[in-house]
Amino acid sequence: MEKPLTQHIKPGQSLDLKGYEKVGGYQSLKKALKEMTPLEVQTAVKEANLKGRGGAGFSTGVKWSFVPRGKDAPRPKYLVANGDEMEPGTFKDRVLMEGNPHQLIEGMIVSAYAVEADHAFVFLRWAYKTSARRLEEAIAEAYQAGYAGKNILGTGYSLELHVHTSAGRYIAGEETALLTALEGRRAYPRSKPPFPQVSGLFGQPSVVNNVETLCNVPPIISNGAAWFKTLSLTDEGGTKIYGASGRVKRPGYWELPLGTPLREIVEERAGGMAEGYQLRALLPGGASTDFILEENLDFPFDFTHTAKAGSRLGTGTFIALDHDTCPVGFVHNLERFFARESCGWCTPCREGLPWVEKILRALESGDGRPEDIDLLLAHVKHLDMGRTFCPLAPGAMEPLRSGLHYFREDFERHVKEKRCPWKRGK
């Protein structure tokens, strides 16, 4: 099984320039800049059906196509790698940046060439200090080797690369809030349209792609769109870095064909649940996805089939809920995070999420009331997509909505017994 993203990554080590070149690194950059036009690079990525690996699953090639091209296009243009990986339970991008930073850099340069960008940034969460150090070292090596900077490889194309470490807010993972933060302002999201591809960083055309997405670009250019599509088990091309956390036997990550059955990942890769624990449900794609029950795991774990199963692929890193963990406390922990991370820009999110957290805290402490469940359901409705300025609050409602649907009896027990049943035995 081919693993184009992680085959050269070894735990605790980082591949330097010489090591990366030895395994074929920067060959796709040479091919793209010397043999292909920017539009041909775009077309190859579009035909490969590379979908954004940050969670939205939008076609990468189509996204690039919205950027104005040609002599009359606004300048400068920007490309940003979104490494603000703050979704609870998610760690796949850190693995890529720490283990093979040149792979991301090459992907950024090829992608920047495709959209005719002049500057590229890696936007990192503040806690990723090792990632920042290794990327800065790799960028310095790339400049010295002539892969970045002025007149790359004598082709006439130039690109300046920078690492930007953010102050660290979850909202900065939303692409427009990220751009606002990159400009040195508070990370508030922006209204769309205009979309960043037309008016983004400093009002100029900008593309924001997830780290894993950009790391897929070099192998596509080197091996072709048809090859990339064969890596998947469904019609969504490529591999996916899946991850697991919670009380499983082997928490970690695995690069597998996109569309690998979710049950296979849970039972074979993660080894099933730890001794003495049973799987009750899981959040398949990080904290802001809907629960899927244990009996419903038999589907290809890709964007399309996960949506049909009632949730989202998201980041592809699942969080397991076991039978000995209180689902109300589980959801409360997530909502406490989302309430704290609200930027406060819009009223429903700023006021609604702390209210949700307060209700769940009351349920857990034995102070819940029968009407609290209806209040939670009302928040699920009023904080849904289209009712807030950005997707933060709607994402926060996904585990709450599905938790109320699947575990309503557990919520009601908290009210009837005036305690959390899990704290003193069931």
Protein backbone atom coordinates (compact mmCIF):
# COMPACT_ATOMS: atom_id res chain seq x y z
CA MET A 1 0.00 0.00 0.00
CA GLU A 2 1.44 3.34 -1.06
CA LYS A 3 1.81 6.05 1.57
CA PRO A 4 2.95 9.18 -0.27
CA LEU A 5 2.61 11.44 2.78
CA THR A 6 4.14 9.43 5.62
CA GLN A 7 6.36 6.78 4.05
CA HIS A 8 9.52 8.68 4.96
CA ILE A 9 8.43 9.89 8.40
CA LYS A 10 10.05 8.21 11.42
CA PRO A 11 8.97 8.95 15.01
CA GLY A 12 11.12 11.58 16.69
CA GLN A 13 13.04 12.39 13.51
CA SER A 14 12.85 15.07 10.85
CA LEU A 15 13.91 14.62 7.24
CA ASP A 16 16.44 17.30 6.23
CA LEU A 17 17.04 18.61 2.71
CA LYS A 18 19.59 15.96 1.72
CA GLY A 19 17.39 13.18 3.03
CA TYR A 20 14.35 14.58 1.26
CA GLU A 21 16.20 14.95 -2.04
CA LYS A 22 17.47 11.38 -1.69
CA VAL A 23 13.89 10.05 -1.71
CA GLY A 24 12.87 12.20 -4.68
CA GLY A 25 12.16 15.48 -2.97
CA TYR A 26 11.77 18.64 -5.10
CA GLN A 27 11.44 16.65 -8.32
CA SER A 28 7.81 17.71 -8.62
CA LEU A 29 8.88 21.33 -8.19
CA LYS A 30 11.35 20.98 -11.03
CA LYS A 31 8.71 19.32 -13.20
CA ALA A 32 6.06 21.94 -12.43
CA LEU A 33 8.26 24.99 -12.98
CA LYS A 34 10.17 23.70 -16.01
CA GLU A 35 7.60 21.57 -17.84
CA MET A 36 4.16 22.86 -16.86
CA THR A 37 2.24 26.11 -16.89
CA PRO A 38 0.40 27.27 -13.75
CA LEU A 39 -2.89 26.34 -15.38
CA GLU A 40 -1.62 22.83 -16.13
CA VAL A 41 -0.70 22.38 -12.47
CA GLN A 42 -4.18 23.52 -11.49
CA THR A 43 -5.75 21.13 -13.97
CA ALA A 44 -3.71 18.17 -12.69
CA VAL A 45 -4.79 18.80 -9.11
CA LYS A 46 -8.41 19.26 -10.18
CA GLU A 47 -8.39 16.02 -12.20
CA ALA A 48 -6.85 14.18 -9.26
CA ASN A 49 -9.98 15.09 -7.27
CA LEU A 50 -7.92 16.28 -4.31
CA LYS A 51 -10.41 17.48 -1.70
CA GLY A 52 -9.39 19.80 1.12
CA ARG A 53 -8.12 17.78 4.07
CA GLY A 54 -8.92 20.47 6.63
CA GLY A 55 -12.49 19.26 7.02
CA ALA A 56 -14.60 21.04 4.41
CA GLY A 57 -13.70 18.66 1.57
CA PHE A 58 -13.94 21.29 -1.17
CA SER A 59 -12.09 20.60 -4.43
CA THR A 60 -8.60 22.08 -4.18
CA GLY A 61 -8.22 22.62 -7.92
CA VAL A 62 -11.59 24.35 -8.15
CA LYS A 63 -10.67 26.59 -5.22
CA TRP A 64 -7.47 27.62 -7.00
CA SER A 65 -9.38 28.35 -10.19
CA PHE A 66 -11.19 31.26 -8.51
CA VAL A 67 -7.94 33.23 -8.21
CA PRO A 68 -7.57 35.90 -10.94
CA ARG A 69 -4.79 34.99 -13.37
CA GLY A 70 -2.81 36.74 -16.06
CA LYS A 71 -0.99 40.03 -16.47
CA ASP A 72 -3.94 42.14 -15.34
CA ALA A 73 -4.53 40.19 -12.10
CA PRO A 74 -4.02 42.11 -8.84
CA ARG A 75 -0.59 41.82 -7.22
CA PRO A 76 0.76 40.59 -4.92
CA LYS A 77 -1.01 37.26 -4.45
CA TYR A 78 -0.70 35.07 -1.38
CA LEU A 79 -0.83 31.38 -0.46
CA VAL A 80 -1.25 30.32 3.17
CA ALA A 81 -0.78 26.88 4.70
CA ASN A 82 -3.25 26.53 7.56
CA GLY A 83 -1.36 24.84 10.38
CA ASP A 84 -3.55 26.23 13.17
CA GLU A 85 -4.50 22.73 14.24
CA MET A 86 -6.63 23.42 17.34
CA GLU A 87 -9.55 21.03 16.77
CA PRO A 88 -9.65 18.78 19.87
CA GLY A 89 -8.52 15.27 19.02
CA THR A 90 -6.60 16.34 15.90
CA PHE A 91 -2.84 16.06 15.40
CA LYS A 92 -2.24 14.88 11.82
CA ASP A 93 -0.73 18.13 10.49
CA ARG A 94 1.80 18.24 13.32
CA VAL A 95 3.02 14.80 12.27
CA LEU A 96 3.63 16.04 8.71
CA MET A 97 5.30 19.32 9.68
CA GLU A 98 7.60 17.77 12.24
CA GLY A 99 8.47 14.61 10.34
CA ASN A 100 8.90 15.91 6.79
CA PRO A 101 8.79 19.73 6.65
CA HIS A 102 10.27 19.90 3.14
CA GLN A 103 7.25 18.00 1.81
CA LEU A 104 5.01 20.85 2.95
CA ILE A 105 7.40 23.47 1.63
CA GLU A 106 7.58 21.83 -1.78
CA GLY A 107 3.80 21.53 -1.85
CA MET A 108 3.47 25.20 -0.99
CA ILE A 109 5.87 26.34 -3.71
CA VAL A 110 4.19 24.22 -6.39
CA SER A 111 0.75 25.38 -5.24
CA ALA A 112 1.87 29.01 -5.12
CA TYR A 113 3.17 28.64 -8.67
CA ALA A 114 -0.22 27.25 -9.73
CA VAL A 115 -2.04 30.37 -8.50
CA GLU A 116 0.85 32.72 -9.43
CA ALA A 117 1.40 33.77 -5.81
CA ASP A 118 4.28 36.01 -4.78
CA HIS A 119 4.34 35.27 -1.03
CA ALA A 120 3.51 32.18 1.03
CA PHE A 121 2.98 31.79 4.77
CA VAL A 122 2.73 28.84 7.14
CA PHE A 123 0.22 29.91 9.79
CA LEU A 124 0.94 27.87 12.94
CA ARG A 125 -0.74 27.54 16.31
CA TRP A 126 1.45 28.93 19.08
CA ALA A 127 1.98 25.55 20.79
CA TYR A 128 3.61 23.95 17.74
CA LYS A 129 7.10 25.09 18.67
CA THR A 130 8.85 22.03 17.27
CA SER A 131 6.97 22.40 13.99
CA ALA A 132 7.95 26.08 13.79
CA ARG A 133 11.61 25.36 14.41
CA ARG A 134 11.83 22.54 11.88
CA LEU A 135 9.94 24.50 9.23
CA GLU A 136 12.16 27.55 9.67
CA GLU A 137 15.24 25.34 9.34
CA ALA A 138 13.81 23.66 6.24
CA ILE A 139 12.87 26.99 4.64
CA ALA A 140 16.43 28.22 5.17
CA GLU A 141 17.72 25.06 3.47
CA ALA A 142 15.28 25.56 0.59
CA TYR A 143 16.46 29.13 0.05
CA GLN A 144 20.09 28.07 0.10
CA ALA A 145 19.42 25.32 -2.47
CA GLY A 146 17.61 27.70 -4.81
CA TYR A 147 14.17 26.14 -4.30
CA ALA A 148 12.74 29.33 -2.80
CA GLY A 149 13.32 33.06 -3.13
CA LYS A 150 14.19 34.89 -6.32
CA ASN A 151 14.28 33.19 -9.73
CA ILE A 152 13.69 29.65 -8.46
CA LEU A 153 15.77 27.10 -10.38
CA GLY A 154 16.44 29.79 -13.01
CA THR A 155 12.83 29.66 -14.21
CA GLY A 156 11.98 33.30 -13.51
CA TYR A 157 9.41 32.41 -10.85
CA SER A 158 9.98 33.91 -7.39
CA LEU A 159 8.35 33.16 -4.05
CA GLU A 160 9.05 34.42 -0.54
CA LEU A 161 8.27 31.96 2.27
CA HIS A 162 7.55 32.80 5.91
CA VAL A 163 6.48 31.05 9.11
CA HIS A 164 3.93 32.94 11.21
CA THR A 165 3.18 31.72 14.74
CA SER A 166 -0.26 32.81 15.88
CA ALA A 167 -1.37 33.94 19.33
CA GLY A 168 -3.47 30.80 19.52
CA ARG A 169 -7.26 30.94 19.17
CA TYR A 170 -9.46 28.22 17.73
CA ILE A 171 -11.27 30.77 15.57
CA ALA A 172 -8.02 31.40 13.68
CA GLY A 173 -8.51 28.04 11.98
CA GLU A 174 -11.37 29.60 10.01
CA GLU A 175 -9.70 30.88 6.86
CA THR A 176 -10.92 34.49 6.94
CA ALA A 177 -10.17 34.86 10.66
CA LEU A 178 -6.74 33.41 9.92
CA LEU A 179 -6.11 36.10 7.31
CA THR A 180 -7.25 38.82 9.70
CA ALA A 181 -4.85 37.51 12.34
CA LEU A 182 -2.06 37.32 9.77
CA GLU A 183 -2.60 41.03 9.11
CA GLY A 184 -1.85 41.69 12.79
CA ARG A 185 -5.42 42.22 13.89
CA ARG A 186 -7.74 40.31 16.21
CA ALA A 187 -8.85 37.02 14.66
CA TYR A 188 -12.39 37.93 13.63
CA PRO A 189 -13.98 36.14 10.66
CA ARG A 190 -15.07 38.10 7.59
CA SER A 191 -18.27 38.10 5.62
CA LYS A 192 -18.25 36.27 2.28
CA PRO A 193 -18.38 37.32 -0.50
CA PRO A 194 -15.86 38.57 -1.36
CA PHE A 195 -14.05 35.28 -0.97
CA PRO A 196 -10.33 35.22 -0.10
CA GLN A 197 -9.41 34.03 -3.59
CA VAL A 198 -10.50 37.46 -4.83
CA SER A 199 -9.93 39.66 -1.77
CA GLY A 200 -8.06 38.04 1.09
CA LEU A 201 -4.83 38.95 2.85
CA PHE A 202 -4.41 42.74 2.77
CA GLY A 203 -7.28 42.83 0.27
CA GLN A 204 -5.33 40.82 -2.31
CA PRO A 205 -6.10 37.43 -3.93
CA SER A 206 -5.25 34.70 -1.43
CA VAL A 207 -5.59 30.93 -1.15
CA VAL A 208 -5.72 29.14 2.21
CA ASN A 209 -5.14 25.38 2.16
CA ASN A 210 -4.71 22.86 4.95
CA VAL A 211 -1.24 21.39 5.58
CA GLU A 212 -2.25 17.84 4.61
CA THR A 213 -3.87 19.15 1.43
CA LEU A 214 -0.69 20.91 0.32
CA CYS A 215 1.47 17.88 1.12
CA ASN A 216 -0.56 15.90 -1.44
CA VAL A 217 0.38 18.25 -4.30
CA PRO A 218 3.98 17.05 -4.97
CA PRO A 219 3.04 13.37 -5.43
CA ILE A 220 0.17 14.37 -7.73
CA ILE A 221 2.50 16.37 -9.96
CA SER A 222 5.19 13.67 -9.93
CA ASN A 223 2.92 10.68 -10.55
CA GLY A 224 -0.13 12.13 -12.26
CA ALA A 225 -3.82 12.56 -11.48
CA ALA A 226 -4.77 9.03 -12.58
CA TRP A 227 -2.25 7.48 -10.16
CA PHE A 228 -3.55 9.60 -7.29
CA LYS A 229 -7.14 8.52 -7.91
CA THR A 230 -6.15 4.85 -7.78
CA LEU A 231 -4.93 5.28 -4.19
CA SER A 232 -8.51 5.72 -2.94
CA LEU A 233 -11.10 3.01 -2.39
CA THR A 234 -13.84 5.37 -3.62
CA ASP A 235 -14.00 8.06 -6.30
CA GLU A 236 -12.47 10.61 -3.91
CA GLY A 237 -8.78 10.54 -4.74
CA GLY A 238 -5.76 9.79 -2.62
CA THR A 239 -4.97 8.62 0.87
CA LYS A 240 -6.00 10.09 4.21
CA ILE A 241 -4.21 10.40 7.51
CA TYR A 242 -6.68 8.92 9.98
CA GLY A 243 -6.23 9.20 13.72
CA ALA A 244 -7.68 7.83 16.95
CA SER A 245 -7.88 9.03 20.54
CA GLY A 246 -9.87 7.92 23.55
CA ARG A 247 -9.78 4.55 25.30
CA VAL A 248 -8.57 2.52 22.34
CA LYS A 249 -5.70 0.06 22.57
CA ARG A 250 -3.49 1.86 20.06
CA PRO A 251 -4.18 5.59 19.82
CA GLY A 252 -2.24 7.14 16.95
CA TYR A 253 -2.38 7.83 13.24
CA TRP A 254 -2.32 5.81 10.01
CA GLU A 255 -2.13 6.82 6.36
CA LEU A 256 -4.67 4.67 4.54
CA PRO A 257 -6.61 4.75 1.26
CA LEU A 258 -9.37 7.34 1.46
CA GLY A 259 -12.59 5.39 1.92
CA THR A 260 -11.13 2.75 4.25
CA PRO A 261 -14.09 1.41 6.30
CA LEU A 262 -14.39 3.19 9.63
CA ARG A 263 -14.84 -0.09 11.50
CA GLU A 264 -11.54 -1.36 10.07
CA ILE A 265 -9.75 1.70 11.41
CA VAL A 266 -11.34 1.33 14.83
CA GLU A 267 -10.89 -2.41 15.25
CA GLU A 268 -7.75 -3.23 13.26
CA ARG A 269 -5.64 -0.08 13.25
CA ALA A 270 -6.60 1.25 16.69
CA GLY A 271 -6.91 -2.31 18.02
CA GLY A 272 -10.43 -1.85 19.35
CA MET A 273 -11.18 -0.63 22.85
CA ALA A 274 -8.80 -0.98 25.77
CA GLU A 275 -9.31 -3.93 28.11
CA GLY A 276 -12.48 -3.54 30.14
CA TYR A 277 -14.06 -0.87 27.94
CA GLN A 278 -16.73 -1.04 25.25
CA LEU A 279 -17.19 1.40 22.40
CA ARG A 280 -20.49 3.23 22.61
CA ALA A 281 -20.06 5.92 19.92
CA LEU A 282 -17.43 8.14 18.38
CA LEU A 283 -16.96 11.56 16.89
CA PRO A 284 -15.45 10.61 13.51
CA GLY A 285 -13.73 13.81 12.45
CA GLY A 286 -12.73 15.72 15.56
CA ALA A 287 -14.75 17.56 18.20
CA SER A 288 -17.07 19.44 15.85
CA THR A 289 -18.72 16.41 14.22
CA ASP A 290 -21.85 14.37 15.01
CA PHE A 291 -21.68 11.14 16.99
CA ILE A 292 -21.85 7.83 15.14
CA LEU A 293 -22.97 4.81 17.17
CA GLU A 294 -20.85 1.67 17.40
CA GLU A 295 -23.34 -0.37 15.38
CA ASN A 296 -23.22 2.12 12.48
CA LEU A 297 -19.48 2.05 11.62
CA ASP A 298 -19.68 -0.07 8.48
CA PHE A 299 -19.21 2.51 5.73
CA PRO A 300 -16.31 3.89 3.66
CA PHE A 301 -14.75 6.66 5.73
CA ASP A 302 -14.64 9.43 3.14
CA PHE A 303 -16.43 12.75 2.68
CA THR A 304 -19.50 11.46 0.84
CA HIS A 305 -20.25 8.30 2.79
CA THR A 306 -19.64 9.87 6.21
CA ALA A 307 -22.16 12.58 5.34
CA LYS A 308 -24.68 9.88 4.37
CA ALA A 309 -24.04 8.26 7.76
CA GLY A 310 -25.12 11.49 9.45
CA SER A 311 -21.79 13.07 10.32
CA ARG A 312 -18.69 14.53 8.64
CA LEU A 313 -15.23 13.22 7.78
CA GLY A 314 -13.79 16.45 9.19
CA THR A 315 -10.15 15.92 10.01
CA GLY A 316 -10.52 12.13 9.95
CA THR A 317 -9.29 11.79 13.54
CA PHE A 318 -11.93 10.12 15.65
CA ILE A 319 -12.56 10.45 19.41
CA ALA A 320 -14.00 7.35 21.05
CA LEU A 321 -16.75 7.45 23.68
CA ASP A 322 -16.81 4.32 25.87
CA HIS A 323 -19.58 2.92 28.06
CA ASP A 324 -17.85 4.03 31.27
CA THR A 325 -17.67 7.70 30.24
CA CYS A 326 -20.65 9.97 30.85
CA PRO A 327 -21.88 11.28 27.48
CA VAL A 328 -23.19 14.46 29.14
CA GLY A 329 -19.80 15.13 30.70
CA PHE A 330 -18.14 14.26 27.38
CA VAL A 331 -20.25 16.84 25.53
CA HIS A 332 -19.86 19.37 28.35
CA ASN A 333 -16.09 19.19 28.06
CA LEU A 334 -16.30 19.98 24.34
CA GLU A 335 -18.82 22.80 24.76
CA ARG A 336 -16.64 24.36 27.44
CA PHE A 337 -13.82 24.49 24.91
CA PHE A 338 -15.99 26.00 22.18
CA ALA A 339 -17.48 28.60 24.55
CA ARG A 340 -14.02 29.68 25.63
CA GLU A 341 -12.79 29.89 22.04
CA SER A 342 -15.66 32.00 20.66
CA CYS A 343 -14.24 35.24 19.28
CA GLY A 344 -17.30 37.15 20.44
CA TRP A 345 -17.95 38.73 17.06
CA CYS A 346 -21.60 37.64 16.72
CA THR A 347 -24.23 37.53 19.45
CA PRO A 348 -25.56 33.97 18.99
CA CYS A 349 -22.11 32.46 19.42
CA ARG A 350 -20.85 34.89 22.07
CA GLU A 351 -23.94 34.51 24.30
CA GLY A 352 -25.26 31.11 23.22
CA LEU A 353 -22.20 28.92 23.75
CA PRO A 354 -21.55 30.05 27.36
CA TRP A 355 -25.26 29.47 28.07
CA VAL A 356 -25.00 25.93 26.68
CA GLU A 357 -21.91 25.30 28.79
CA LYS A 358 -23.68 26.64 31.91
CA ILE A 359 -26.68 24.33 31.38
CA LEU A 360 -24.47 21.29 30.87
CA ARG A 361 -22.45 22.19 33.96
CA ALA A 362 -25.67 22.35 35.97
CA LEU A 363 -26.74 18.93 34.69
CA GLU A 364 -23.38 17.44 35.65
CA SER A 365 -23.46 18.97 39.14
CA GLY A 366 -27.02 17.81 39.89
CA ASP A 367 -28.68 21.20 39.49
CA GLY A 368 -30.37 20.49 36.16
CA ARG A 369 -34.06 21.15 35.52
CA PRO A 370 -36.48 19.31 33.17
CA GLU A 371 -36.73 22.38 30.93
CA ASP A 372 -32.94 22.44 30.44
CA ILE A 373 -33.12 19.76 27.77
CA ASP A 374 -35.57 21.85 25.74
CA LEU A 375 -33.28 24.86 26.19
CA LEU A 376 -30.37 22.85 24.80
CA LEU A 377 -32.48 21.78 21.82
CA ALA A 378 -33.40 25.43 21.23
CA HIS A 379 -29.71 26.35 21.15
CA VAL A 380 -29.04 23.57 18.66
CA LYS A 381 -31.65 25.17 16.39
CA HIS A 382 -30.66 28.80 16.84
CA LEU A 383 -26.90 28.25 16.57
CA ASP A 384 -27.16 26.21 13.39
CA MET A 385 -25.47 27.04 10.08
CA GLY A 386 -26.71 30.28 8.56
CA ARG A 387 -27.65 31.79 11.92
CA THR A 388 -24.14 32.75 13.00
CA PHE A 389 -21.35 34.69 11.34
CA CYS A 390 -19.01 31.71 10.89
CA PRO A 391 -19.11 27.90 11.36
CA LEU A 392 -17.66 27.83 14.92
CA ALA A 393 -20.99 27.69 16.78
CA PRO A 394 -22.70 25.38 14.24
CA GLY A 395 -19.73 23.04 14.57
CA ALA A 396 -20.04 23.17 18.36
CA MET A 397 -23.69 22.15 18.04
CA GLU A 398 -22.93 18.94 16.14
CA PRO A 399 -21.83 16.82 19.14
CA LEU A 400 -24.59 18.40 21.27
CA ARG A 401 -27.33 17.77 18.68
CA SER A 402 -26.35 14.15 18.10
CA GLY A 403 -25.67 13.64 21.81
CA LEU A 404 -29.21 14.73 22.66
CA HIS A 405 -30.54 12.48 19.91
CA TYR A 406 -28.65 9.32 20.86
CA PHE A 407 -28.20 9.77 24.61
CA ARG A 408 -31.34 11.66 25.68
CA GLU A 409 -32.03 9.12 28.42
CA ASP A 410 -28.66 9.94 29.95
CA PHE A 411 -29.46 13.65 29.94
CA GLU A 412 -32.83 12.93 31.57
CA ARG A 413 -31.23 10.73 34.24
CA HIS A 414 -29.06 13.67 35.28
CA VAL A 415 -32.24 15.67 35.89
CA LYS A 416 -34.24 12.92 37.62
CA GLU A 417 -31.45 11.68 39.86
CA LYS A 418 -30.01 15.17 40.46
CA ARG A 419 -26.48 13.92 39.91
CA CYS A 420 -24.21 12.50 37.26
CA PRO A 421 -24.85 8.73 37.36
CA TRP A 422 -21.28 8.06 36.26
CA LYS A 423 -19.73 9.76 39.29
CA ARG A 424 -21.15 7.36 41.86
CA GLY A 425 -21.85 4.31 39.76
CA LYS A 426 -24.76 3.64 37.44
